Amino acid sequence: MQKFTHSDLLEITEQENDLKTFLKQKKEARMYSPKKETISNILNYSKALSVRKSKKLDFIEMILN
C-alpha cells in the first residue's frame, strides 16, 4: 500500500487545480460554430429526404430532387 504525505496531497491538489484552470481556458477560447452554408445544406437535405414505410421492407429512403 502506497503512503502519501501531506505535501504529496497538496501537490496533487495544486496539479488538479492547474489542470482545471487550463481546461476551462481552453474550453472558453475555442467556441466553434458551423458555417451558415453547412446549416443550409443540412436543412435542404432534410427537406428533400423522404422516408416511407414499406410492406416488404422496413423503410424506403428517397431523395425527392
PDB file of N, CA and C in Angstrom:
ATOM      1  N   MET A   1       0.842  -1.178   0.000  1.00  0.00           N
ATOM      2  CA  MET A   1       0.000   0.000   0.000  1.00  0.00           C
ATOM      3  C   MET A   1       0.889   1.244   0.000  1.00  0.00           C
ATOM      4  N   GLN A   2       0.579   2.147  -0.926  1.00  0.00           N
ATOM      5  CA  GLN A   2       1.382   3.353  -1.047  1.00  0.00           C
ATOM      6  C   GLN A   2       0.932   4.384  -0.017  1.00  0.00           C
ATOM      7  N   LYS A   3       1.888   5.060   0.590  1.00  0.00           N
ATOM      8  CA  LYS A   3       1.568   6.080   1.595  1.00  0.00           C
ATOM      9  C   LYS A   3       1.840   7.458   1.019  1.00  0.00           C
ATOM     10  N   PHE A   4       0.936   8.363   1.303  1.00  0.00           N
ATOM     11  CA  PHE A   4       1.077   9.739   0.850  1.00  0.00           C
ATOM     12  C   PHE A   4       1.315  10.637   2.046  1.00  0.00           C
ATOM     13  N   THR A   5       2.186  11.597   1.855  1.00  0.00           N
ATOM     14  CA  THR A   5       2.414  12.597   2.904  1.00  0.00           C
ATOM     15  C   THR A   5       1.505  13.795   2.646  1.00  0.00           C
ATOM     16  N   HIS A   6       1.470  14.672   3.607  1.00  0.00           N
ATOM     17  CA  HIS A   6       0.646  15.873   3.469  1.00  0.00           C
ATOM     18  C   HIS A   6       1.120  16.716   2.276  1.00  0.00           C
ATOM     19  N   SER A   7       2.401  16.818   2.094  1.00  0.00           N
ATOM     20  CA  SER A   7       2.930  17.608   0.968  1.00  0.00           C
ATOM     21  C   SER A   7       2.592  16.949  -0.373  1.00  0.00           C
ATOM     22  N   ASP A   8       2.553  15.617  -0.418  1.00  0.00           N
ATOM     23  CA  ASP A   8       2.142  14.924  -1.650  1.00  0.00           C
ATOM     24  C   ASP A   8       0.703  15.276  -2.011  1.00  0.00           C
ATOM     25  N   LEU A   9      -0.161  15.258  -1.014  1.00  0.00           N
ATOM     26  CA  LEU A   9      -1.562  15.578  -1.259  1.00  0.00           C
ATOM     27  C   LEU A   9      -1.735  17.039  -1.689  1.00  0.00           C
ATOM     28  N   LEU A  10      -0.972  17.938  -1.110  1.00  0.00           N
ATOM     29  CA  LEU A  10      -1.032  19.338  -1.518  1.00  0.00           C
ATOM     30  C   LEU A  10      -0.574  19.514  -2.962  1.00  0.00           C
ATOM     31  N   GLU A  11       0.468  18.804  -3.337  1.00  0.00           N
ATOM     32  CA  GLU A  11       0.973  18.883  -4.708  1.00  0.00           C
ATOM     33  C   GLU A  11      -0.056  18.350  -5.695  1.00  0.00           C
ATOM     34  N   ILE A  12      -0.698  17.247  -5.353  1.00  0.00           N
ATOM     35  CA  ILE A  12      -1.736  16.682  -6.229  1.00  0.00           C
ATOM     36  C   ILE A  12      -2.898  17.665  -6.374  1.00  0.00           C
ATOM     37  N   THR A  13      -3.287  18.280  -5.283  1.00  0.00           N
ATOM     38  CA  THR A  13      -4.377  19.262  -5.319  1.00  0.00           C
ATOM     39  C   THR A  13      -4.013  20.452  -6.198  1.00  0.00           C
ATOM     40  N   GLU A  14      -2.798  20.931  -6.092  1.00  0.00           N
ATOM     41  CA  GLU A  14      -2.349  22.047  -6.937  1.00  0.00           C
ATOM     42  C   GLU A  14      -2.354  21.663  -8.412  1.00  0.00           C
ATOM     43  N   GLN A  15      -1.902  20.455  -8.710  1.00  0.00           N
ATOM     44  CA  GLN A  15      -1.893  19.989 -10.093  1.00  0.00           C
ATOM     45  C   GLN A  15      -3.315  19.872 -10.641  1.00  0.00           C
ATOM     46  N   GLU A  16      -4.230  19.383  -9.822  1.00  0.00           N
ATOM     47  CA  GLU A  16      -5.622  19.293 -10.250  1.00  0.00           C
ATOM     48  C   GLU A  16      -6.211  20.668 -10.533  1.00  0.00           C
ATOM     49  N   ASN A  17      -5.928  21.606  -9.658  1.00  0.00           N
ATOM     50  CA  ASN A  17      -6.440  22.967  -9.860  1.00  0.00           C
ATOM     51  C   ASN A  17      -5.844  23.607 -11.109  1.00  0.00           C
ATOM     52  N   ASP A  18      -4.556  23.388 -11.340  1.00  0.00           N
ATOM     53  CA  ASP A  18      -3.916  23.905 -12.560  1.00  0.00           C
ATOM     54  C   ASP A  18      -4.562  23.308 -13.806  1.00  0.00           C
ATOM     55  N   LEU A  19      -4.831  22.015 -13.761  1.00  0.00           N
ATOM     56  CA  LEU A  19      -5.457  21.338 -14.902  1.00  0.00           C
ATOM     57  C   LEU A  19      -6.874  21.862 -15.136  1.00  0.00           C
ATOM     58  N   LYS A  20      -7.637  22.038 -14.080  1.00  0.00           N
ATOM     59  CA  LYS A  20      -8.996  22.579 -14.223  1.00  0.00           C
ATOM     60  C   LYS A  20      -8.968  23.969 -14.838  1.00  0.00           C
ATOM     61  N   THR A  21      -8.052  24.804 -14.381  1.00  0.00           N
ATOM     62  CA  THR A  21      -7.930  26.155 -14.918  1.00  0.00           C
ATOM     63  C   THR A  21      -7.540  26.114 -16.390  1.00  0.00           C
ATOM     64  N   PHE A  22      -6.601  25.257 -16.733  1.00  0.00           N
ATOM     65  CA  PHE A  22      -6.153  25.119 -18.124  1.00  0.00           C
ATOM     66  C   PHE A  22      -7.295  24.659 -19.023  1.00  0.00           C
ATOM     67  N   LEU A  23      -8.042  23.653 -18.580  1.00  0.00           N
ATOM     68  CA  LEU A  23      -9.142  23.136 -19.389  1.00  0.00           C
ATOM     69  C   LEU A  23     -10.259  24.158 -19.538  1.00  0.00           C
ATOM     70  N   LYS A  24     -10.526  24.910 -18.503  1.00  0.00           N
ATOM     71  CA  LYS A  24     -11.557  25.941 -18.576  1.00  0.00           C
ATOM     72  C   LYS A  24     -11.167  27.018 -19.582  1.00  0.00           C
ATOM     73  N   GLN A  25      -9.894  27.416 -19.583  1.00  0.00           N
ATOM     74  CA  GLN A  25      -9.431  28.427 -20.533  1.00  0.00           C
ATOM     75  C   GLN A  25      -9.514  27.898 -21.958  1.00  0.00           C
ATOM     76  N   LYS A  26      -9.133  26.638 -22.153  1.00  0.00           N
ATOM     77  CA  LYS A  26      -9.196  26.049 -23.495  1.00  0.00           C
ATOM     78  C   LYS A  26     -10.629  25.985 -23.985  1.00  0.00           C
ATOM     79  N   LYS A  27     -11.543  25.598 -23.092  1.00  0.00           N
ATOM     80  CA  LYS A  27     -12.940  25.462 -23.470  1.00  0.00           C
ATOM     81  C   LYS A  27     -13.523  26.818 -23.867  1.00  0.00           C
ATOM     82  N   GLU A  28     -13.204  27.863 -23.123  1.00  0.00           N
ATOM     83  CA  GLU A  28     -13.726  29.187 -23.423  1.00  0.00           C
ATOM     84  C   GLU A  28     -13.076  29.778 -24.667  1.00  0.00           C
ATOM     85  N   ALA A  29     -11.832  29.440 -24.905  1.00  0.00           N
ATOM     86  CA  ALA A  29     -11.112  30.028 -26.029  1.00  0.00           C
ATOM     87  C   ALA A  29     -11.571  29.447 -27.364  1.00  0.00           C
ATOM     88  N   ARG A  30     -11.998  28.202 -27.386  1.00  0.00           N
ATOM     89  CA  ARG A  30     -12.358  27.550 -28.645  1.00  0.00           C
ATOM     90  C   ARG A  30     -13.855  27.271 -28.699  1.00  0.00           C
ATOM     91  N   MET A  31     -14.581  28.241 -29.152  1.00  0.00           N
ATOM     92  CA  MET A  31     -16.006  28.074 -29.353  1.00  0.00           C
ATOM     93  C   MET A  31     -16.242  28.034 -30.861  1.00  0.00           C
ATOM     94  N   TYR A  32     -16.463  26.855 -31.397  1.00  0.00           N
ATOM     95  CA  TYR A  32     -16.670  26.691 -32.822  1.00  0.00           C
ATOM     96  C   TYR A  32     -18.161  26.659 -33.128  1.00  0.00           C
ATOM     97  N   SER A  33     -18.501  27.132 -34.303  1.00  0.00           N
ATOM     98  CA  SER A  33     -19.871  27.015 -34.777  1.00  0.00           C
ATOM     99  C   SER A  33     -19.810  26.694 -36.268  1.00  0.00           C
ATOM    100  N   PRO A  34     -20.819  26.008 -36.773  1.00  0.00           N
ATOM    101  CA  PRO A  34     -20.800  25.645 -38.192  1.00  0.00           C
ATOM    102  C   PRO A  34     -21.050  26.863 -39.081  1.00  0.00           C
ATOM    103  N   LYS A  35     -20.589  26.746 -40.312  1.00  0.00           N
ATOM    104  CA  LYS A  35     -20.823  27.814 -41.282  1.00  0.00           C
ATOM    105  C   LYS A  35     -22.307  27.863 -41.624  1.00  0.00           C
ATOM    106  N   LYS A  36     -22.764  29.021 -42.053  1.00  0.00           N
ATOM    107  CA  LYS A  36     -24.171  29.175 -42.444  1.00  0.00           C
ATOM    108  C   LYS A  36     -24.522  28.266 -43.615  1.00  0.00           C
ATOM    109  N   GLU A  37     -23.585  28.098 -44.540  1.00  0.00           N
ATOM    110  CA  GLU A  37     -23.874  27.237 -45.693  1.00  0.00           C
ATOM    111  C   GLU A  37     -23.963  25.764 -45.292  1.00  0.00           C
ATOM    112  N   THR A  38     -23.244  25.368 -44.262  1.00  0.00           N
ATOM    113  CA  THR A  38     -23.351  23.996 -43.762  1.00  0.00           C
ATOM    114  C   THR A  38     -24.738  23.753 -43.184  1.00  0.00           C
ATOM    115  N   ILE A  39     -25.205  24.692 -42.393  1.00  0.00           N
ATOM    116  CA  ILE A  39     -26.554  24.572 -41.824  1.00  0.00           C
ATOM    117  C   ILE A  39     -27.596  24.564 -42.935  1.00  0.00           C
ATOM    118  N   SER A  40     -27.404  25.426 -43.931  1.00  0.00           N
ATOM    119  CA  SER A  40     -28.327  25.480 -45.066  1.00  0.00           C
ATOM    120  C   SER A  40     -28.355  24.157 -45.818  1.00  0.00           C
ATOM    121  N   ASN A  41     -27.182  23.557 -46.040  1.00  0.00           N
ATOM    122  CA  ASN A  41     -27.121  22.269 -46.738  1.00  0.00           C
ATOM    123  C   ASN A  41     -27.854  21.174 -45.970  1.00  0.00           C
ATOM    124  N   ILE A  42     -27.680  21.139 -44.670  1.00  0.00           N
ATOM    125  CA  ILE A  42     -28.344  20.122 -43.854  1.00  0.00           C
ATOM    126  C   ILE A  42     -29.859  20.306 -43.894  1.00  0.00           C
ATOM    127  N   LEU A  43     -30.311  21.552 -43.786  1.00  0.00           N
ATOM    128  CA  LEU A  43     -31.749  21.811 -43.836  1.00  0.00           C
ATOM    129  C   LEU A  43     -32.342  21.464 -45.197  1.00  0.00           C
ATOM    130  N   ASN A  44     -31.627  21.789 -46.258  1.00  0.00           N
ATOM    131  CA  ASN A  44     -32.109  21.453 -47.604  1.00  0.00           C
ATOM    132  C   ASN A  44     -32.177  19.948 -47.804  1.00  0.00           C
ATOM    133  N   TYR A  45     -31.192  19.235 -47.302  1.00  0.00           N
ATOM    134  CA  TYR A  45     -31.208  17.769 -47.399  1.00  0.00           C
ATOM    135  C   TYR A  45     -32.404  17.202 -46.638  1.00  0.00           C
ATOM    136  N   SER A  46     -32.668  17.736 -45.448  1.00  0.00           N
ATOM    137  CA  SER A  46     -33.783  17.216 -44.663  1.00  0.00           C
ATOM    138  C   SER A  46     -35.124  17.475 -45.350  1.00  0.00           C
ATOM    139  N   LYS A  47     -35.217  18.571 -46.107  1.00  0.00           N
ATOM    140  CA  LYS A  47     -36.452  18.862 -46.842  1.00  0.00           C
ATOM    141  C   LYS A  47     -36.626  17.938 -48.037  1.00  0.00           C
ATOM    142  N   ALA A  48     -35.520  17.519 -48.636  1.00  0.00           N
ATOM    143  CA  ALA A  48     -35.573  16.676 -49.824  1.00  0.00           C
ATOM    144  C   ALA A  48     -35.681  15.188 -49.491  1.00  0.00           C
ATOM    145  N   LEU A  49     -35.409  14.807 -48.274  1.00  0.00           N
ATOM    146  CA  LEU A  49     -35.411  13.398 -47.874  1.00  0.00           C
ATOM    147  C   LEU A  49     -36.823  12.945 -47.548  1.00  0.00           C
ATOM    148  N   SER A  50     -37.190  11.806 -48.096  1.00  0.00           N
ATOM    149  CA  SER A  50     -38.484  11.206 -47.805  1.00  0.00           C
ATOM    150  C   SER A  50     -38.255   9.786 -47.304  1.00  0.00           C
ATOM    151  N   VAL A  51     -38.799   9.471 -46.148  1.00  0.00           N
ATOM    152  CA  VAL A  51     -38.687   8.130 -45.578  1.00  0.00           C
ATOM    153  C   VAL A  51     -40.089   7.572 -45.453  1.00  0.00           C
ATOM    154  N   ARG A  52     -40.341   6.445 -46.131  1.00  0.00           N
ATOM    155  CA  ARG A  52     -41.673   5.828 -46.147  1.00  0.00           C
ATOM    156  C   ARG A  52     -41.610   4.404 -45.634  1.00  0.00           C
ATOM    157  N   LYS A  53     -42.661   3.997 -44.968  1.00  0.00           N
ATOM    158  CA  LYS A  53     -42.768   2.618 -44.504  1.00  0.00           C
ATOM    159  C   LYS A  53     -43.165   1.758 -45.690  1.00  0.00           C
ATOM    160  N   SER A  54     -42.588   0.575 -45.764  1.00  0.00           N
ATOM    161  CA  SER A  54     -42.847  -0.339 -46.867  1.00  0.00           C
ATOM    162  C   SER A  54     -43.467  -1.619 -46.329  1.00  0.00           C
ATOM    163  N   LYS A  55     -44.251  -2.267 -47.162  1.00  0.00           N
ATOM    164  CA  LYS A  55     -44.850  -3.538 -46.750  1.00  0.00           C
ATOM    165  C   LYS A  55     -43.820  -4.659 -46.728  1.00  0.00           C
ATOM    166  N   LYS A  56     -42.900  -4.644 -47.696  1.00  0.00           N
ATOM    167  CA  LYS A  56     -41.933  -5.732 -47.799  1.00  0.00           C
ATOM    168  C   LYS A  56     -40.602  -5.413 -47.136  1.00  0.00           C
ATOM    169  N   LEU A  57     -40.263  -4.142 -47.082  1.00  0.00           N
ATOM    170  CA  LEU A  57     -39.041  -3.702 -46.417  1.00  0.00           C
ATOM    171  C   LEU A  57     -39.446  -2.873 -45.207  1.00  0.00           C
ATOM    172  N   ASP A  58     -38.525  -2.628 -44.320  1.00  0.00           N
ATOM    173  CA  ASP A  58     -38.866  -1.786 -43.168  1.00  0.00           C
ATOM    174  C   ASP A  58     -39.188  -0.367 -43.618  1.00  0.00           C
ATOM    175  N   PHE A  59     -38.196   0.313 -44.174  1.00  0.00           N
ATOM    176  CA  PHE A  59     -38.378   1.683 -44.621  1.00  0.00           C
ATOM    177  C   PHE A  59     -37.657   1.891 -45.942  1.00  0.00           C
ATOM    178  N   ILE A  60     -38.169   2.825 -46.744  1.00  0.00           N
ATOM    179  CA  ILE A  60     -37.526   3.202 -48.002  1.00  0.00           C
ATOM    180  C   ILE A  60     -37.171   4.676 -47.891  1.00  0.00           C
ATOM    181  N   GLU A  61     -35.901   4.995 -48.158  1.00  0.00           N
ATOM    182  CA  GLU A  61     -35.444   6.381 -48.136  1.00  0.00           C
ATOM    183  C   GLU A  61     -35.267   6.859 -49.576  1.00  0.00           C
ATOM    184  N   MET A  62     -35.835   8.024 -49.888  1.00  0.00           N
ATOM    185  CA  MET A  62     -35.712   8.582 -51.235  1.00  0.00           C
ATOM    186  C   MET A  62     -35.347  10.056 -51.140  1.00  0.00           C
ATOM    187  N   ILE A  63     -34.505  10.498 -52.064  1.00  0.00           N
ATOM    188  CA  ILE A  63     -34.214  11.914 -52.228  1.00  0.00           C
ATOM    189  C   ILE A  63     -35.133  12.421 -53.320  1.00  0.00           C
ATOM    190  N   LEU A  64     -35.957  13.424 -53.026  1.00  0.00           N
ATOM    191  CA  LEU A  64     -37.011  13.865 -53.937  1.00  0.00           C
ATOM    192  C   LEU A  64     -36.537  14.822 -55.011  1.00  0.00           C
ATOM    193  N   ASN A  65     -35.309  15.261 -54.998  1.00  0.00           N
ATOM    194  CA  ASN A  65     -34.820  16.199 -56.024  1.00  0.00           C
ATOM    195  C   ASN A  65     -34.481  15.492 -57.284  1.00  0.00           C
TER     196      ASN A  65
END
